[in-house]
Protein backbone atom coordinates (compact mmCIF):
# COMPACT_ATOMS: atom_id res chain seq x y z
CA MET A 1 0.72 10.33 11.37
CA VAL A 2 2.12 13.27 9.07
CA THR A 3 0.05 16.26 9.63
CA SER A 4 -0.95 17.04 6.08
CA PHE A 5 -2.89 13.40 6.44
CA ARG A 6 -3.79 13.98 9.92
CA GLY A 7 -7.98 14.88 10.06
CA LEU A 8 -8.80 12.65 6.91
CA PRO A 9 -12.24 10.50 7.86
CA ARG A 10 -12.00 6.80 8.32
CA THR A 11 -13.46 6.16 5.34
CA VAL A 12 -10.24 7.52 3.69
CA TRP A 13 -7.82 5.75 5.97
CA THR A 14 -9.87 2.41 5.36
CA VAL A 15 -9.62 3.03 1.57
CA PHE A 16 -5.71 3.71 1.88
CA ALA A 17 -5.31 0.68 4.69
CA GLY A 18 -7.14 -1.91 1.68
CA THR A 19 -5.07 0.05 -0.98
CA VAL A 20 -1.80 -1.22 0.63
CA VAL A 21 -2.74 -4.78 1.31
CA ASN A 22 -4.03 -4.81 -2.06
CA ARG A 23 -1.31 -3.71 -3.68
CA LEU A 24 0.96 -6.22 -2.03
CA GLY A 25 -0.27 -8.70 -3.66
CA PHE A 26 0.27 -7.18 -7.18
CA MET A 27 2.07 -9.15 -8.78
CA VAL A 28 0.77 -10.84 -11.61
CA THR A 29 0.93 -8.04 -14.03
CA PRO A 30 4.29 -7.02 -13.47
CA PHE A 31 5.55 -10.76 -14.11
CA LEU A 32 3.05 -11.87 -16.40
CA VAL A 33 5.76 -12.26 -19.57
CA PHE A 34 7.76 -14.07 -17.53
CA PHE A 35 4.45 -16.36 -16.63
CA LEU A 36 3.55 -16.61 -20.18
CA ALA A 37 7.06 -17.80 -21.59
CA GLU A 38 7.18 -20.76 -18.96
CA ARG A 39 3.78 -21.96 -20.36
CA GLY A 40 5.27 -21.49 -23.48
CA VAL A 41 3.34 -18.29 -24.67
CA THR A 42 5.68 -16.53 -26.99
CA GLY A 43 5.66 -13.74 -30.34
CA SER A 44 2.23 -12.66 -31.42
CA ASP A 45 0.69 -14.55 -28.84
CA VAL A 46 1.92 -12.99 -26.16
CA GLY A 47 1.04 -9.75 -27.48
CA TYR A 48 -2.43 -11.08 -27.80
CA VAL A 49 -2.71 -11.56 -24.18
CA LEU A 50 -1.05 -8.11 -23.25
CA GLY A 51 -3.32 -6.52 -25.99
CA ALA A 52 -6.67 -7.68 -24.06
CA LEU A 53 -5.04 -6.73 -20.87
CA GLY A 54 -4.70 -3.25 -22.21
CA ALA A 55 -8.43 -3.48 -23.58
CA GLY A 56 -9.16 -4.17 -20.07
CA ASN A 57 -8.16 -0.82 -18.59
CA LEU A 58 -10.14 0.64 -21.29
CA VAL A 59 -13.69 -1.15 -20.22
CA GLY A 60 -13.24 -1.28 -16.43
CA PRO A 61 -12.90 2.82 -15.58
CA ALA A 62 -16.24 3.35 -17.63
CA ALA A 63 -18.20 0.29 -15.98
CA GLY A 64 -17.24 1.34 -12.72
CA GLY A 65 -17.69 4.96 -12.46
CA LEU A 66 -21.34 4.13 -13.81
CA LEU A 67 -21.87 1.53 -11.54
CA ALA A 68 -20.68 3.50 -8.69
CA ASP A 69 -23.19 6.16 -9.46
CA ARG A 70 -25.93 3.52 -10.21
CA ILE A 71 -25.71 0.85 -7.30
CA GLY A 72 -23.27 2.37 -5.19
CA ARG A 73 -19.43 2.44 -4.48
CA ARG A 74 -19.04 0.14 -2.00
CA PRO A 75 -21.53 -2.80 -4.49
CA THR A 76 -19.11 -1.83 -7.31
CA MET A 77 -15.94 -2.23 -5.32
CA LEU A 78 -16.47 -5.46 -3.98
CA ALA A 79 -17.80 -6.58 -7.67
CA GLY A 80 -14.37 -5.72 -9.01
CA LEU A 81 -12.13 -6.58 -6.10
CA VAL A 82 -14.44 -10.41 -6.34
CA GLY A 83 -14.48 -10.45 -9.74
CA SER A 84 -10.55 -9.63 -10.04
CA SER A 85 -10.13 -12.14 -7.88
CA ALA A 86 -11.35 -14.93 -9.68
CA ALA A 87 -9.92 -13.82 -13.03
CA VAL A 88 -6.33 -14.48 -11.56
CA GLY A 89 -7.40 -17.72 -10.73
CA ALA A 90 -8.97 -18.51 -14.32
CA LEU A 91 -5.61 -17.13 -16.10
CA TYR A 92 -3.74 -19.27 -14.38
CA VAL A 93 -5.42 -22.31 -14.86
CA ALA A 94 -6.19 -21.03 -18.71
CA PRO A 95 -5.46 -23.94 -21.05
CA GLY A 96 -4.55 -21.54 -24.36
CA VAL A 97 -4.02 -18.30 -25.78
CA TRP A 98 -7.07 -17.24 -25.93
CA THR A 99 -8.50 -18.22 -22.78
CA MET A 100 -6.02 -16.65 -21.25
CA ALA A 101 -6.93 -13.30 -23.07
CA ALA A 102 -10.05 -13.57 -22.15
CA ALA A 103 -8.48 -14.28 -18.32
CA ALA A 104 -6.50 -10.88 -19.18
CA LEU A 105 -9.41 -9.02 -20.09
CA LEU A 106 -11.01 -9.39 -16.99
CA LEU A 107 -8.82 -9.19 -14.55
CA SER A 108 -7.71 -5.81 -15.80
CA ALA A 109 -11.62 -4.45 -16.31
CA THR A 110 -12.73 -6.06 -13.02
CA GLY A 111 -9.34 -4.43 -11.29
CA MET A 112 -10.19 -1.33 -13.05
CA MET A 113 -13.63 -0.67 -11.75
CA VAL A 114 -12.12 -0.38 -8.44
CA SER A 115 -10.79 3.13 -8.39
CA PRO A 116 -13.76 5.23 -9.93
CA ALA A 117 -15.92 3.81 -7.14
CA ALA A 118 -12.95 4.62 -4.45
CA TYR A 119 -12.29 7.59 -5.75
CA ALA A 120 -16.34 9.04 -5.32
CA LEU A 121 -16.56 7.45 -2.06
CA MET A 122 -13.84 9.80 -1.09
CA ALA A 123 -14.84 12.67 -2.75
CA ASP A 124 -18.21 12.22 -0.69
CA ALA A 125 -16.71 12.02 2.18
CA VAL A 126 -13.99 14.86 2.41
CA GLU A 127 -14.81 18.58 1.85
CA PRO A 128 -13.15 19.91 -1.28
CA ALA A 129 -10.21 21.51 0.47
CA ARG A 130 -9.25 18.38 1.40
CA ARG A 131 -9.67 16.10 -1.28
CA ARG A 132 -6.20 16.62 -2.54
CA HIS A 133 -4.77 15.05 0.53
CA ALA A 134 -7.16 12.12 0.71
CA TYR A 135 -5.86 11.17 -3.18
CA ALA A 136 -2.40 11.79 -2.47
CA LEU A 137 -2.63 9.35 0.24
CA PHE A 138 -4.53 7.05 -1.99
CA GLY A 139 -1.43 7.00 -4.41
CA TRP A 140 1.00 6.39 -1.22
CA GLY A 141 -0.61 3.53 0.02
CA ILE A 142 -0.32 2.31 -3.94
CA ASN A 143 3.08 3.03 -3.82
CA ILE A 144 4.37 1.57 -0.28
CA GLY A 145 2.12 -1.57 -1.83
CA THR A 146 3.85 -1.54 -5.17
CA ALA A 147 7.38 -1.27 -3.49
CA VAL A 148 7.02 -4.57 -1.71
CA ALA A 149 5.44 -6.18 -4.06
CA GLY A 150 8.28 -6.00 -6.62
CA VAL A 151 10.55 -7.43 -4.02
CA LEU A 152 8.43 -9.85 -2.95
CA GLY A 153 7.25 -11.34 -6.32
CA GLY A 154 10.68 -11.40 -7.67
CA PHE A 155 11.12 -14.02 -4.28
CA LEU A 156 8.13 -15.60 -4.90
CA ALA A 157 8.34 -16.32 -8.82
CA ALA A 158 11.64 -18.12 -8.14
CA HIS A 159 9.82 -20.55 -5.98
CA GLY A 160 6.92 -20.98 -8.26
CA TYR A 161 4.76 -18.60 -10.38
CA TRP A 162 1.46 -20.42 -8.38
CA LEU A 163 2.65 -18.18 -5.51
CA LEU A 164 2.26 -14.82 -7.31
CA PHE A 165 -1.45 -15.72 -8.65
CA ALA A 166 -2.29 -17.54 -4.66
CA VAL A 167 -0.96 -14.22 -3.04
CA ASP A 168 -2.38 -11.87 -5.75
CA ALA A 169 -6.09 -13.36 -5.29
CA ALA A 170 -5.74 -13.45 -1.52
CA SER A 171 -4.89 -9.54 -1.34
CA MET A 172 -8.36 -8.98 -3.48
CA LEU A 173 -10.40 -11.05 -1.57
CA LEU A 174 -8.77 -9.36 1.67
CA TYR A 175 -9.62 -5.99 0.63
CA ALA A 176 -12.83 -6.97 -0.31
CA VAL A 177 -13.08 -8.22 3.39
CA ILE A 178 -12.26 -4.51 4.75
CA VAL A 179 -14.66 -3.16 2.25
CA ALA A 180 -17.32 -5.31 3.52
CA GLY A 181 -16.47 -4.69 7.17
CA ARG A 182 -15.53 -1.59 7.42
CA LEU A 183 -16.79 0.89 4.74
CA GLU A 184 -20.13 2.65 4.59
CA GLU A 185 -21.94 3.54 1.51
CA THR A 186 -21.88 6.99 0.77
CA ARG A 187 -23.87 7.49 -2.42
CA PRO A 188 -25.76 10.89 -2.14
CA GLU A 189 -29.43 10.26 -1.43
CA ALA A 190 -31.72 10.89 -4.73
CA LYS A 191 -33.19 13.86 -3.13
CA GLU A 192 -29.69 15.38 -3.14
CA GLU A 193 -28.87 14.22 -6.23
CA ALA A 194 -32.24 16.03 -7.80
CA ALA A 195 -30.81 19.12 -5.81
CA THR A 196 -27.44 19.46 -7.33
CA ALA A 197 -27.46 18.16 -10.74
CA ALA A 198 -31.20 17.68 -12.05
CA GLY A 199 -31.27 15.95 -14.84
CA SER A 200 -27.89 14.14 -15.29
CA GLY A 201 -29.68 11.01 -15.90
CA VAL A 202 -27.24 7.62 -15.47
CA GLY A 203 -25.25 7.62 -18.21
CA TYR A 204 -22.38 9.46 -19.53
CA GLY A 205 -24.29 12.42 -20.80
CA VAL A 206 -23.51 14.15 -17.87
CA VAL A 207 -20.03 14.03 -18.84
CA LEU A 208 -20.20 14.50 -22.36
CA ARG A 209 -21.99 17.60 -21.88
CA ASP A 210 -19.37 19.13 -19.67
CA ARG A 211 -17.33 21.53 -22.14
CA LEU A 212 -14.65 22.26 -19.56
CA LEU A 213 -13.96 18.54 -18.07
CA LEU A 214 -13.50 17.27 -22.05
CA LEU A 215 -11.07 20.13 -22.08
CA LEU A 216 -9.49 19.67 -19.36
CA LEU A 217 -9.12 15.32 -19.79
CA PRO A 218 -7.22 15.77 -22.70
CA LEU A 219 -4.67 17.75 -21.13
CA LEU A 220 -4.30 15.21 -18.17
CA GLY A 221 -4.27 12.55 -20.70
CA VAL A 222 -1.19 13.94 -22.43
CA GLN A 223 0.68 14.11 -18.98
CA LEU A 224 -0.59 10.66 -17.88
CA PHE A 225 1.16 9.31 -21.63
CA VAL A 226 4.38 11.17 -20.89
CA TYR A 227 4.78 9.80 -17.27
CA SER A 228 3.46 5.70 -18.45
CA LEU A 229 6.80 6.33 -20.87
CA THR A 230 8.89 5.55 -17.41
CA GLU A 231 7.31 1.98 -17.27
CA VAL A 232 7.43 1.41 -21.45
CA ALA A 233 10.02 3.49 -23.10
CA LEU A 234 12.74 3.56 -19.89
CA PRO A 235 12.90 -0.08 -19.82
CA LEU A 236 13.95 -0.11 -23.86
CA ALA A 237 16.31 3.02 -23.03
CA VAL A 238 18.39 1.15 -20.05
CA HIS A 239 18.33 -2.18 -22.28
CA ASP A 240 19.67 -0.30 -25.45
CA SER A 241 22.68 1.23 -23.22
CA GLY A 242 23.90 -2.52 -22.67
CA LEU A 243 23.23 -2.43 -19.06
CA SER A 244 21.31 -5.43 -17.40
CA PRO A 245 17.82 -5.68 -16.14
CA ALA A 246 18.61 -5.56 -12.92
CA VAL A 247 19.70 -1.96 -13.49
CA TYR A 248 15.70 -1.06 -14.33
CA GLY A 249 14.74 -2.72 -11.26
CA THR A 250 17.02 0.11 -9.16
CA MET A 251 15.64 2.65 -11.14
CA ALA A 252 12.07 1.01 -10.00
CA ALA A 253 13.57 1.32 -6.78
CA ILE A 254 14.67 4.76 -6.55
CA ASN A 255 11.18 5.90 -7.82
CA ALA A 256 9.11 4.06 -4.83
CA ILE A 257 12.24 5.40 -2.28
CA LEU A 258 11.12 8.94 -3.22
CA ILE A 259 7.28 9.19 -3.51
CA VAL A 260 7.01 6.79 -0.20
CA ALA A 261 9.85 9.16 1.79
CA LEU A 262 8.71 12.83 0.12
CA GLN A 263 4.87 12.31 -0.82
CA PRO A 264 3.38 13.44 2.61
CA PHE A 265 5.56 16.22 3.02
CA VAL A 266 5.55 17.53 -0.61
CA THR A 267 1.34 17.52 -0.70
CA ALA A 268 1.66 19.46 2.98
CA ARG A 269 4.28 21.95 1.54
CA LEU A 270 1.75 22.39 -1.94
CA ALA A 271 -1.97 22.06 -0.59
CA ARG A 272 -2.14 26.08 -0.58
CA LEU A 273 -0.70 26.44 -3.35
CA PRO A 274 -3.62 27.03 -6.57
CA GLN A 275 -3.77 23.08 -7.74
CA LEU A 276 -4.03 23.95 -11.61
CA ARG A 277 -0.57 25.90 -11.30
CA VAL A 278 0.96 22.92 -9.56
CA GLN A 279 -0.05 20.18 -11.84
CA ALA A 280 1.22 22.51 -14.67
CA ALA A 281 4.39 22.63 -12.57
CA GLY A 282 4.96 19.21 -11.55
CA GLY A 283 4.14 18.10 -15.52
CA VAL A 284 6.69 19.65 -16.96
CA LEU A 285 9.12 18.38 -14.15
CA ILE A 286 7.86 14.80 -15.02
CA ALA A 287 8.53 15.77 -18.55
CA ALA A 288 12.10 16.85 -18.45
CA GLY A 289 12.88 14.19 -16.14
CA VAL A 290 11.36 11.54 -19.09
CA ALA A 291 13.31 13.77 -21.64
CA LEU A 292 16.76 13.28 -19.80
CA THR A 293 16.91 9.40 -20.12
CA GLY A 294 17.29 10.13 -23.74
CA LEU A 295 20.75 11.97 -22.82
CA ALA A 296 21.88 9.03 -20.13
CA ASP A 297 24.13 5.84 -20.92
CA SER A 298 25.19 5.19 -17.42
CA ILE A 299 23.24 3.81 -14.09
CA ALA A 300 24.10 7.72 -12.78
CA GLY A 301 22.82 9.57 -15.69
CA TYR A 302 19.67 6.84 -15.65
CA ALA A 303 19.32 7.60 -11.56
CA PHE A 304 19.22 11.29 -12.17
CA SER A 305 16.50 11.19 -14.72
CA VAL A 306 14.10 9.22 -12.39
CA VAL A 307 15.05 11.55 -9.51
CA VAL A 308 13.62 14.61 -11.49
CA TRP A 309 10.46 12.62 -12.90
CA SER A 310 9.80 11.36 -8.99
CA LEU A 311 9.95 14.73 -7.91
CA GLY A 312 7.02 15.36 -10.77
CA GLU A 313 4.82 12.45 -9.43
CA VAL A 314 5.14 13.39 -5.97
CA VAL A 315 4.04 17.25 -6.71
CA VAL A 316 1.02 16.24 -8.85
CA SER A 317 -0.31 13.46 -6.97
CA GLY A 318 -3.77 13.77 -5.80
CA ILE A 319 -4.53 16.92 -8.07
CA GLY A 320 -6.06 15.27 -11.06
CA ALA A 321 -8.63 13.39 -9.13
CA ALA A 322 -9.44 16.27 -6.75
CA ILE A 323 -10.09 18.60 -9.77
CA VAL A 324 -12.57 16.05 -11.26
CA ALA A 325 -13.98 15.62 -8.08
CA ASP A 326 -14.78 19.17 -7.51
CA LEU A 327 -16.24 19.54 -11.34
CA ALA A 328 -18.32 16.57 -10.46
CA PRO A 329 -22.44 17.38 -9.47
CA ALA A 330 -22.37 15.02 -6.48
CA ASP A 331 -24.73 12.35 -7.99
CA ALA A 332 -22.30 11.83 -11.18
CA ARG A 333 -19.18 11.85 -8.95
CA GLY A 334 -18.45 8.06 -9.73
CA ARG A 335 -18.90 8.54 -13.61
CA TYR A 336 -16.47 11.56 -13.49
CA GLN A 337 -13.58 9.41 -11.99
CA GLY A 338 -14.96 6.78 -14.36
CA ALA A 339 -13.79 9.36 -16.88
CA PHE A 340 -10.77 10.12 -15.31
CA SER A 341 -9.76 6.86 -14.80
CA TRP A 342 -10.88 6.02 -18.46
CA THR A 343 -8.15 8.57 -19.49
CA TRP A 344 -5.69 7.04 -17.34
CA GLY A 345 -6.13 3.62 -19.23
CA VAL A 346 -5.62 5.20 -22.94
CA ALA A 347 -2.73 6.92 -21.94
CA ARG A 348 -0.93 3.90 -20.34
CA PHE A 349 -2.84 1.83 -23.90
CA ALA A 350 -1.09 4.57 -25.94
CA ALA A 351 2.31 4.52 -23.92
CA LEU A 352 2.45 0.33 -24.91
CA THR A 353 1.64 1.19 -28.86
CA LEU A 354 2.26 4.66 -30.24
CA GLY A 355 5.33 5.05 -27.65
CA VAL A 356 7.36 1.86 -28.19
CA THR A 357 6.06 2.58 -32.15
CA VAL A 358 7.52 5.99 -32.33
CA TYR A 359 11.18 4.58 -30.36
CA THR A 360 11.17 1.92 -32.21
CA SER A 361 10.28 3.36 -35.12
CA LEU A 362 11.31 7.53 -35.35
CA GLY A 363 14.04 6.84 -32.87
CA PRO A 364 14.25 7.30 -28.95
CA ALA A 365 14.93 10.88 -30.00
CA VAL A 366 11.66 11.83 -31.31
CA LEU A 367 10.01 10.26 -28.26
CA TRP A 368 12.34 12.19 -25.38
CA TRP A 369 12.01 15.30 -27.36
CA SER A 370 7.84 14.90 -28.07
CA ALA A 371 8.11 14.04 -24.66
CA LEU A 372 9.02 17.40 -23.55
CA ALA A 373 7.33 19.13 -25.88
CA GLY A 374 3.91 17.91 -25.07
CA GLY A 375 4.84 18.14 -21.21
CA VAL A 376 5.24 22.33 -21.95
CA LEU A 377 2.44 22.40 -23.88
CA THR A 378 -0.26 21.19 -21.79
CA ALA A 379 1.36 22.84 -18.79
CA ALA A 380 0.43 26.20 -20.99
CA GLY A 381 -3.22 24.42 -21.73
CA LEU A 382 -3.86 23.79 -17.54
CA LEU A 383 -2.93 27.07 -16.96
CA ALA A 384 -5.24 28.67 -19.83
CA LEU A 385 -8.57 26.90 -18.35
CA ARG A 386 -6.86 28.06 -14.74
CA ALA A 387 -9.76 31.03 -14.60
CA ARG A 388 -12.52 28.72 -15.47
CA VAL A 389 -11.72 25.91 -13.27
CA GLU A 390 -11.30 28.38 -10.17
CA ARG A 391 -14.37 30.38 -11.22
CA ARG A 392 -16.98 27.02 -11.61
CA THR A 393 -15.50 25.48 -8.38
CA THR A 394 -16.00 28.38 -6.44
CA ALA A 395 -19.15 29.57 -7.53
CA GLU A 396 -20.64 25.82 -7.37
CA PRO A 397 -19.03 23.90 -4.69
CA THR A 398 -20.05 20.12 -4.73
CA THR A 399 -21.79 18.77 -1.53
CA TYR A 400 -20.01 16.31 0.63
CA THR A 401 -21.16 13.91 3.22
CA LYS A 402 -19.53 15.20 6.28
CA PRO A 403 -18.16 12.69 8.66
CA SER A 404 -18.97 12.11 12.02
CA ARG A 405 -16.56 12.83 14.98
CA GLU A 406 -16.39 8.93 15.41
CA THR A 407 -15.06 8.35 11.97
CA VAL A 408 -12.21 11.11 11.75
CA ALA A 409 -9.02 9.58 12.41
CA ALA A 410 -6.87 10.84 15.01
């Protein structure tokens, strides 16, 4: 195994394996528009279902982070996985638009409960110096599974959309089995909570009182918004260039191949550098790649832009979640990761709404230049916060649950 991930606790490898399994079945959401068209859902009705799907991305992380601290990481992951599996089935059998929207809301909300709990669990089990590696491995698993699911999903859809729903639901249940059988609860004990974060309570007040985190999350959110444009505005640009949908599929494949091939090596090379500096540089690289989309009008041009922002994606992988974990009190890690995942949900929702509106109303050039400016400005903001973040994480290191020798992967 690649040295950058060697020595991580078994807990992290178990989450990685479950994530790969789960993402191998991630097929319903990418093909949802095609499924809705087959069911006769068109026009504004499609917007209702997709809007509900986006709204769940805002509800799920907040609930998942809160529950991870209140009832535990493992029960929250199980509830999210079993709930999203049931929601997939409900979406398939839903008889009308509003029942489809309700099922879509449940699907995204329960699915988004899992990540904050998984992030908190890994923060509990990994020392601060290795958290970025753990989160990068988690992201690597997402990309491995997604890359395969994209190809497999197209094949299954041609033989019946029910296969997409069946495989998606089965992958969630299989991940739940892995969680139930292979993971142990890591939530800090009450006496440790009192020692590390007295008065943090059970709500999100502890997050809202953290001024440094409240400065950091919007900056990360803008970077995530710029990155999310690759899923939203890139296909619009490819279409407007007169190229076929297959070209966008090729671009997605280039991105997946680069991530899977480069992630372990880049993580190892950059691990010793200051995290916020790397995050800032990677954010600028992503923004530059997105901006280059506006100059592309051929397959080669789009491929070059994808290579640039994909390299930025590799550079920043795992850093945001690791910084948030380092800032969090031990008993509030779930809520801190819930706030981070919520920021991600807001960014994607904004890309679907604001990003598309700017592209269609003000013109593509405005969006591309705005993305570049946003990337540069947020990088400057992150560098301005570097001293405060380092001072706090050095002076007040958070505790973690040290793994036993038996739980460390060879």
